[in-house]
N, C-alpha and C. Protein backbone atom coordinates (compact mmCIF):
# COMPACT_ATOMS: atom_id res chain seq x y z
N MET A 1 -13.21 -76.92 0.43
CA MET A 1 -13.55 -76.44 1.75
C MET A 1 -13.51 -74.92 1.73
N GLY A 2 -14.49 -74.31 2.34
CA GLY A 2 -14.55 -72.86 2.47
C GLY A 2 -14.36 -72.45 3.91
N LEU A 3 -13.62 -71.36 4.14
CA LEU A 3 -13.36 -70.87 5.49
C LEU A 3 -13.67 -69.39 5.59
N ASP A 4 -14.35 -69.03 6.68
CA ASP A 4 -14.57 -67.63 7.03
C ASP A 4 -13.76 -67.37 8.29
N TYR A 5 -12.61 -66.71 8.14
CA TYR A 5 -11.66 -66.51 9.23
C TYR A 5 -11.99 -65.23 9.99
N GLY A 6 -12.21 -65.38 11.29
CA GLY A 6 -12.47 -64.23 12.14
C GLY A 6 -11.49 -64.18 13.30
N SER A 7 -11.60 -63.15 14.11
CA SER A 7 -10.65 -62.96 15.20
C SER A 7 -10.77 -64.05 16.27
N ARG A 8 -11.94 -64.63 16.46
CA ARG A 8 -12.11 -65.69 17.46
C ARG A 8 -12.74 -66.96 16.91
N THR A 9 -13.19 -66.92 15.67
CA THR A 9 -13.87 -68.08 15.09
C THR A 9 -13.44 -68.29 13.65
N VAL A 10 -13.66 -69.52 13.19
CA VAL A 10 -13.50 -69.85 11.78
C VAL A 10 -14.71 -70.67 11.37
N GLY A 11 -15.49 -70.12 10.46
CA GLY A 11 -16.61 -70.87 9.91
C GLY A 11 -16.09 -71.82 8.85
N VAL A 12 -16.66 -73.03 8.81
CA VAL A 12 -16.18 -74.06 7.88
C VAL A 12 -17.36 -74.59 7.06
N ALA A 13 -17.13 -74.71 5.75
CA ALA A 13 -18.11 -75.30 4.85
C ALA A 13 -17.37 -76.24 3.89
N VAL A 14 -18.08 -77.21 3.37
CA VAL A 14 -17.52 -78.11 2.36
C VAL A 14 -18.52 -78.23 1.21
N SER A 15 -18.02 -78.70 0.08
CA SER A 15 -18.92 -78.89 -1.06
C SER A 15 -19.25 -80.36 -1.22
N ASP A 16 -20.27 -80.62 -2.00
CA ASP A 16 -20.59 -81.99 -2.37
C ASP A 16 -19.49 -82.49 -3.31
N ALA A 17 -19.49 -83.77 -3.59
CA ALA A 17 -18.44 -84.39 -4.41
C ALA A 17 -18.36 -83.80 -5.81
N LEU A 18 -19.46 -83.30 -6.33
CA LEU A 18 -19.47 -82.74 -7.68
C LEU A 18 -19.08 -81.26 -7.70
N GLY A 19 -18.93 -80.65 -6.53
CA GLY A 19 -18.56 -79.24 -6.48
C GLY A 19 -19.67 -78.31 -6.90
N ILE A 20 -20.91 -78.69 -6.59
CA ILE A 20 -22.06 -77.88 -6.99
C ILE A 20 -22.61 -77.05 -5.83
N THR A 21 -22.73 -77.67 -4.67
CA THR A 21 -23.32 -76.97 -3.53
C THR A 21 -22.40 -76.99 -2.31
N ALA A 22 -22.50 -75.95 -1.51
CA ALA A 22 -21.73 -75.83 -0.27
C ALA A 22 -22.66 -76.06 0.92
N GLN A 23 -22.14 -76.77 1.92
CA GLN A 23 -22.89 -77.02 3.15
C GLN A 23 -22.02 -76.62 4.34
N GLY A 24 -22.65 -76.02 5.34
CA GLY A 24 -21.93 -75.67 6.56
C GLY A 24 -21.57 -76.90 7.35
N VAL A 25 -20.37 -76.88 7.93
CA VAL A 25 -19.90 -78.01 8.73
C VAL A 25 -19.86 -77.65 10.21
N GLU A 26 -19.12 -76.60 10.54
CA GLU A 26 -19.01 -76.19 11.94
C GLU A 26 -18.37 -74.82 12.04
N THR A 27 -18.41 -74.29 13.26
CA THR A 27 -17.69 -73.07 13.59
C THR A 27 -16.64 -73.45 14.61
N ILE A 28 -15.38 -73.21 14.27
CA ILE A 28 -14.26 -73.49 15.18
C ILE A 28 -14.05 -72.24 16.02
N THR A 29 -14.04 -72.39 17.33
CA THR A 29 -13.89 -71.26 18.24
C THR A 29 -12.59 -71.39 19.00
N ARG A 30 -11.94 -70.24 19.25
CA ARG A 30 -10.73 -70.25 20.06
C ARG A 30 -10.81 -69.14 21.10
N GLU A 31 -10.04 -69.32 22.17
CA GLU A 31 -10.07 -68.38 23.29
C GLU A 31 -9.39 -67.06 22.94
N GLU A 32 -8.25 -67.13 22.25
CA GLU A 32 -7.50 -65.93 21.92
C GLU A 32 -7.21 -65.90 20.42
N GLU A 33 -7.17 -64.70 19.88
CA GLU A 33 -7.01 -64.53 18.43
C GLU A 33 -5.75 -65.20 17.90
N ASN A 34 -4.65 -65.09 18.61
CA ASN A 34 -3.38 -65.61 18.10
C ASN A 34 -3.11 -67.07 18.45
N LYS A 35 -4.00 -67.73 19.15
CA LYS A 35 -3.83 -69.15 19.49
C LYS A 35 -4.49 -69.98 18.40
N LEU A 36 -3.68 -70.36 17.41
CA LEU A 36 -4.23 -71.00 16.22
C LEU A 36 -3.90 -72.48 16.08
N ARG A 37 -3.10 -73.03 16.97
CA ARG A 37 -2.67 -74.43 16.80
C ARG A 37 -3.85 -75.39 16.73
N LYS A 38 -4.79 -75.29 17.65
CA LYS A 38 -5.95 -76.19 17.66
C LYS A 38 -6.85 -75.94 16.45
N THR A 39 -6.96 -74.68 16.07
CA THR A 39 -7.77 -74.33 14.90
C THR A 39 -7.19 -74.97 13.65
N LEU A 40 -5.88 -74.84 13.48
CA LEU A 40 -5.22 -75.44 12.31
C LEU A 40 -5.33 -76.96 12.32
N ARG A 41 -5.21 -77.56 13.50
CA ARG A 41 -5.33 -79.02 13.60
C ARG A 41 -6.74 -79.46 13.19
N ARG A 42 -7.76 -78.70 13.65
CA ARG A 42 -9.13 -79.06 13.31
C ARG A 42 -9.39 -78.90 11.81
N ILE A 43 -8.86 -77.86 11.21
CA ILE A 43 -9.00 -77.67 9.76
C ILE A 43 -8.35 -78.84 9.02
N GLU A 44 -7.19 -79.24 9.48
CA GLU A 44 -6.50 -80.38 8.86
C GLU A 44 -7.33 -81.66 8.99
N GLU A 45 -7.90 -81.89 10.18
CA GLU A 45 -8.75 -83.07 10.39
C GLU A 45 -9.96 -83.06 9.45
N LEU A 46 -10.60 -81.91 9.34
CA LEU A 46 -11.77 -81.80 8.46
C LEU A 46 -11.39 -81.97 6.99
N ALA A 47 -10.24 -81.44 6.61
CA ALA A 47 -9.77 -81.59 5.23
C ALA A 47 -9.57 -83.05 4.87
N VAL A 48 -9.02 -83.82 5.80
CA VAL A 48 -8.82 -85.26 5.58
C VAL A 48 -10.17 -85.96 5.55
N GLN A 49 -11.02 -85.67 6.54
CA GLN A 49 -12.33 -86.32 6.64
C GLN A 49 -13.17 -86.12 5.39
N TYR A 50 -13.16 -84.90 4.85
CA TYR A 50 -14.00 -84.59 3.68
C TYR A 50 -13.24 -84.69 2.35
N GLU A 51 -12.01 -85.22 2.39
CA GLU A 51 -11.19 -85.42 1.19
C GLU A 51 -11.08 -84.14 0.36
N VAL A 52 -10.71 -83.07 1.03
CA VAL A 52 -10.60 -81.75 0.43
C VAL A 52 -9.36 -81.69 -0.46
N ASP A 53 -9.50 -81.05 -1.63
CA ASP A 53 -8.33 -80.89 -2.51
C ASP A 53 -7.88 -79.44 -2.62
N ARG A 54 -8.68 -78.51 -2.09
CA ARG A 54 -8.29 -77.10 -2.02
C ARG A 54 -9.15 -76.39 -0.99
N ILE A 55 -8.66 -75.27 -0.52
CA ILE A 55 -9.36 -74.50 0.50
C ILE A 55 -9.60 -73.10 -0.05
N VAL A 56 -10.83 -72.63 0.11
CA VAL A 56 -11.20 -71.28 -0.30
C VAL A 56 -11.35 -70.45 0.97
N LEU A 57 -10.52 -69.43 1.09
CA LEU A 57 -10.47 -68.60 2.29
C LEU A 57 -11.00 -67.22 1.97
N GLY A 58 -11.99 -66.79 2.75
CA GLY A 58 -12.56 -65.46 2.54
C GLY A 58 -11.52 -64.37 2.79
N LEU A 59 -11.42 -63.43 1.86
CA LEU A 59 -10.49 -62.31 1.98
C LEU A 59 -11.28 -61.07 2.38
N PRO A 60 -11.02 -60.55 3.58
CA PRO A 60 -11.82 -59.44 4.12
C PRO A 60 -11.37 -58.07 3.63
N LYS A 61 -11.56 -57.80 2.34
CA LYS A 61 -11.22 -56.49 1.80
C LYS A 61 -12.19 -55.44 2.35
N ASN A 62 -11.74 -54.19 2.35
CA ASN A 62 -12.61 -53.08 2.71
C ASN A 62 -13.58 -52.83 1.55
N MET A 63 -14.66 -52.14 1.84
CA MET A 63 -15.67 -51.90 0.81
C MET A 63 -15.11 -51.10 -0.37
N ASN A 64 -14.08 -50.29 -0.14
CA ASN A 64 -13.48 -49.52 -1.24
C ASN A 64 -12.39 -50.32 -1.96
N ASN A 65 -12.33 -51.63 -1.71
CA ASN A 65 -11.40 -52.56 -2.33
C ASN A 65 -9.97 -52.46 -1.81
N SER A 66 -9.76 -51.67 -0.77
CA SER A 66 -8.42 -51.57 -0.18
C SER A 66 -8.20 -52.73 0.79
N MET A 67 -6.94 -52.93 1.11
CA MET A 67 -6.55 -54.02 2.02
C MET A 67 -6.22 -53.42 3.39
N GLY A 68 -6.84 -53.94 4.41
CA GLY A 68 -6.61 -53.44 5.76
C GLY A 68 -5.84 -54.44 6.61
N GLU A 69 -5.84 -54.20 7.90
CA GLU A 69 -5.12 -55.05 8.86
C GLU A 69 -5.64 -56.48 8.84
N ARG A 70 -6.94 -56.66 8.70
CA ARG A 70 -7.52 -58.01 8.69
C ARG A 70 -6.98 -58.83 7.50
N VAL A 71 -6.72 -58.17 6.39
CA VAL A 71 -6.19 -58.88 5.22
C VAL A 71 -4.80 -59.43 5.53
N GLU A 72 -3.97 -58.63 6.22
CA GLU A 72 -2.64 -59.10 6.61
C GLU A 72 -2.73 -60.36 7.46
N ARG A 73 -3.61 -60.33 8.44
CA ARG A 73 -3.79 -61.50 9.31
C ARG A 73 -4.30 -62.69 8.51
N CYS A 74 -5.16 -62.43 7.57
CA CYS A 74 -5.71 -63.50 6.74
C CYS A 74 -4.61 -64.11 5.85
N GLN A 75 -3.72 -63.27 5.35
CA GLN A 75 -2.61 -63.77 4.53
C GLN A 75 -1.68 -64.66 5.37
N GLU A 76 -1.44 -64.27 6.62
CA GLU A 76 -0.63 -65.09 7.51
C GLU A 76 -1.32 -66.42 7.79
N PHE A 77 -2.64 -66.37 8.00
CA PHE A 77 -3.42 -67.58 8.26
C PHE A 77 -3.37 -68.51 7.04
N LYS A 78 -3.46 -67.93 5.84
CA LYS A 78 -3.37 -68.70 4.60
C LYS A 78 -2.06 -69.48 4.55
N GLU A 79 -0.97 -68.81 4.86
CA GLU A 79 0.34 -69.46 4.83
C GLU A 79 0.42 -70.60 5.86
N MET A 80 -0.16 -70.38 7.04
CA MET A 80 -0.16 -71.42 8.08
C MET A 80 -0.95 -72.64 7.62
N ILE A 81 -2.11 -72.40 6.99
CA ILE A 81 -2.93 -73.51 6.50
C ILE A 81 -2.18 -74.29 5.42
N GLU A 82 -1.55 -73.57 4.50
CA GLU A 82 -0.82 -74.25 3.42
C GLU A 82 0.32 -75.10 3.98
N ARG A 83 1.03 -74.56 4.96
CA ARG A 83 2.12 -75.35 5.58
C ARG A 83 1.56 -76.58 6.30
N ARG A 84 0.46 -76.40 7.00
CA ARG A 84 -0.11 -77.49 7.81
C ARG A 84 -0.74 -78.58 6.96
N THR A 85 -1.45 -78.18 5.90
CA THR A 85 -2.23 -79.16 5.13
C THR A 85 -1.60 -79.55 3.79
N SER A 86 -0.67 -78.76 3.31
CA SER A 86 -0.08 -78.94 1.97
C SER A 86 -1.12 -78.79 0.86
N LEU A 87 -2.23 -78.14 1.16
CA LEU A 87 -3.27 -77.90 0.17
C LEU A 87 -3.18 -76.47 -0.35
N PRO A 88 -3.57 -76.25 -1.61
CA PRO A 88 -3.61 -74.87 -2.09
C PRO A 88 -4.75 -74.11 -1.41
N VAL A 89 -4.48 -72.85 -1.07
CA VAL A 89 -5.49 -72.00 -0.46
C VAL A 89 -5.75 -70.84 -1.41
N ILE A 90 -7.01 -70.67 -1.78
CA ILE A 90 -7.43 -69.66 -2.75
C ILE A 90 -8.20 -68.58 -2.00
N PHE A 91 -7.81 -67.33 -2.21
CA PHE A 91 -8.58 -66.23 -1.61
C PHE A 91 -9.84 -65.97 -2.41
N TRP A 92 -10.91 -65.63 -1.68
CA TRP A 92 -12.17 -65.27 -2.31
C TRP A 92 -12.73 -64.05 -1.60
N ASP A 93 -13.09 -63.04 -2.36
CA ASP A 93 -13.62 -61.80 -1.80
C ASP A 93 -14.85 -62.10 -0.94
N GLU A 94 -14.77 -61.73 0.32
CA GLU A 94 -15.87 -62.05 1.23
C GLU A 94 -16.70 -60.84 1.63
N ARG A 95 -16.51 -59.73 0.94
CA ARG A 95 -17.27 -58.53 1.31
C ARG A 95 -18.77 -58.82 1.32
N LEU A 96 -19.39 -58.40 2.39
CA LEU A 96 -20.84 -58.50 2.60
C LEU A 96 -21.34 -59.91 2.87
N THR A 97 -20.46 -60.91 2.99
CA THR A 97 -20.96 -62.27 3.27
C THR A 97 -21.57 -62.35 4.66
N THR A 98 -21.00 -61.66 5.63
CA THR A 98 -21.57 -61.71 6.98
C THR A 98 -22.93 -61.01 7.00
N VAL A 99 -23.06 -59.92 6.26
CA VAL A 99 -24.34 -59.22 6.16
C VAL A 99 -25.37 -60.15 5.51
N ALA A 100 -24.97 -60.81 4.43
CA ALA A 100 -25.88 -61.74 3.75
C ALA A 100 -26.24 -62.91 4.65
N ALA A 101 -25.26 -63.43 5.40
CA ALA A 101 -25.51 -64.54 6.32
C ALA A 101 -26.51 -64.12 7.39
N GLU A 102 -26.34 -62.92 7.92
CA GLU A 102 -27.28 -62.40 8.94
C GLU A 102 -28.69 -62.32 8.37
N ARG A 103 -28.80 -61.83 7.15
CA ARG A 103 -30.11 -61.70 6.51
C ARG A 103 -30.76 -63.08 6.32
N ILE A 104 -29.97 -64.04 5.87
CA ILE A 104 -30.49 -65.41 5.67
C ILE A 104 -31.01 -65.97 6.99
N LEU A 105 -30.23 -65.78 8.05
CA LEU A 105 -30.63 -66.31 9.36
C LEU A 105 -31.89 -65.63 9.88
N ILE A 106 -32.00 -64.32 9.69
CA ILE A 106 -33.20 -63.60 10.12
C ILE A 106 -34.42 -64.11 9.35
N GLU A 107 -34.26 -64.21 8.02
CA GLU A 107 -35.36 -64.68 7.18
C GLU A 107 -35.75 -66.12 7.49
N SER A 108 -34.79 -66.90 8.01
CA SER A 108 -35.06 -68.29 8.37
C SER A 108 -35.66 -68.41 9.77
N GLY A 109 -35.80 -67.29 10.45
CA GLY A 109 -36.40 -67.29 11.77
C GLY A 109 -35.47 -67.70 12.90
N VAL A 110 -34.17 -67.63 12.68
CA VAL A 110 -33.22 -67.97 13.74
C VAL A 110 -33.20 -66.82 14.74
N ARG A 111 -33.38 -67.17 15.99
CA ARG A 111 -33.41 -66.16 17.05
C ARG A 111 -32.06 -65.46 17.18
N ARG A 112 -32.11 -64.20 17.57
CA ARG A 112 -30.91 -63.36 17.67
C ARG A 112 -29.82 -64.02 18.50
N GLU A 113 -30.17 -64.60 19.64
CA GLU A 113 -29.16 -65.21 20.52
C GLU A 113 -28.53 -66.46 19.91
N ASN A 114 -29.20 -67.07 18.94
CA ASN A 114 -28.66 -68.27 18.30
C ASN A 114 -27.88 -67.96 17.02
N ARG A 115 -28.06 -66.77 16.48
CA ARG A 115 -27.38 -66.41 15.23
C ARG A 115 -25.87 -66.40 15.38
N LYS A 116 -25.38 -65.91 16.51
CA LYS A 116 -23.94 -65.78 16.72
C LYS A 116 -23.23 -67.13 16.59
N GLU A 117 -23.91 -68.19 16.99
CA GLU A 117 -23.33 -69.54 16.95
C GLU A 117 -23.12 -70.05 15.52
N VAL A 118 -23.93 -69.58 14.58
CA VAL A 118 -23.90 -70.16 13.24
C VAL A 118 -23.55 -69.18 12.13
N ILE A 119 -23.44 -67.90 12.44
CA ILE A 119 -23.25 -66.90 11.37
C ILE A 119 -21.95 -67.12 10.60
N ASP A 120 -20.88 -67.52 11.28
CA ASP A 120 -19.60 -67.73 10.58
C ASP A 120 -19.66 -68.95 9.68
N LYS A 121 -20.39 -69.97 10.12
CA LYS A 121 -20.56 -71.17 9.28
C LYS A 121 -21.37 -70.82 8.03
N VAL A 122 -22.41 -70.01 8.18
CA VAL A 122 -23.22 -69.59 7.02
C VAL A 122 -22.38 -68.71 6.10
N ALA A 123 -21.56 -67.83 6.67
CA ALA A 123 -20.68 -66.99 5.84
C ALA A 123 -19.70 -67.87 5.06
N ALA A 124 -19.18 -68.93 5.68
CA ALA A 124 -18.28 -69.86 4.98
C ALA A 124 -19.00 -70.53 3.82
N VAL A 125 -20.26 -70.87 4.01
CA VAL A 125 -21.06 -71.46 2.93
C VAL A 125 -21.17 -70.47 1.77
N LEU A 126 -21.44 -69.21 2.08
CA LEU A 126 -21.57 -68.20 1.02
C LEU A 126 -20.26 -67.98 0.28
N ILE A 127 -19.15 -67.99 1.00
CA ILE A 127 -17.83 -67.85 0.38
C ILE A 127 -17.58 -69.01 -0.58
N LEU A 128 -17.77 -70.23 -0.08
CA LEU A 128 -17.52 -71.41 -0.90
C LEU A 128 -18.49 -71.48 -2.07
N GLN A 129 -19.76 -71.15 -1.83
CA GLN A 129 -20.75 -71.22 -2.92
C GLN A 129 -20.42 -70.21 -4.01
N GLY A 130 -19.95 -69.02 -3.63
CA GLY A 130 -19.53 -68.03 -4.62
C GLY A 130 -18.41 -68.56 -5.49
N TYR A 131 -17.44 -69.21 -4.86
CA TYR A 131 -16.32 -69.80 -5.60
C TYR A 131 -16.81 -70.91 -6.53
N LEU A 132 -17.65 -71.81 -6.01
CA LEU A 132 -18.18 -72.92 -6.81
C LEU A 132 -18.98 -72.40 -8.00
N ASP A 133 -19.80 -71.38 -7.76
CA ASP A 133 -20.60 -70.79 -8.84
C ASP A 133 -19.69 -70.21 -9.92
N SER A 134 -18.58 -69.58 -9.51
CA SER A 134 -17.67 -69.00 -10.51
C SER A 134 -17.03 -70.09 -11.36
N LEU A 135 -16.75 -71.24 -10.75
CA LEU A 135 -16.20 -72.37 -11.52
C LEU A 135 -17.21 -72.87 -12.54
N GLN A 136 -18.47 -72.97 -12.12
CA GLN A 136 -19.54 -73.41 -13.03
C GLN A 136 -19.70 -72.43 -14.20
N GLU A 137 -19.67 -71.13 -13.88
CA GLU A 137 -19.83 -70.10 -14.91
C GLU A 137 -18.69 -70.14 -15.92
N ASN A 138 -17.49 -70.45 -15.43
CA ASN A 138 -16.33 -70.47 -16.31
C ASN A 138 -16.10 -71.84 -16.94
N GLY A 139 -16.94 -72.81 -16.57
CA GLY A 139 -16.82 -74.15 -17.13
C GLY A 139 -15.57 -74.88 -16.70
N THR A 140 -15.04 -74.56 -15.52
CA THR A 140 -13.80 -75.19 -15.05
C THR A 140 -14.04 -76.22 -13.95
N CYS A 141 -15.28 -76.52 -13.68
CA CYS A 141 -15.56 -77.48 -12.63
C CYS A 141 -15.87 -78.85 -13.19
């Protein structure tokens, strides 16, 4: 399972059984940034439904490779997911995934007002696909 964690949303993607391709599942939305109970419950439900054995969480590093405030929040979120699901959570560099997701949606003809609804899900797909591709390249999948 791949996750794109944002201040109000979490994009979710899962892979096929062979770990070759990533598909978007949904975007989990919350009213307030720090209200994560329902978000964590939904991630747990999806992990069970899709028989997930690990979670790949996008790590929002700065372009200069430094770690900012968002990384701290992401690390806290990682710990909450691990406690809730008992699954290993792997960080994956997510720099430029939202930009790439936006480009994909524009090229696919998705209207501007509809992009916001799906951009986090597409970013989650890109995060998970990057991880899956690295496993294929290293022969560990």
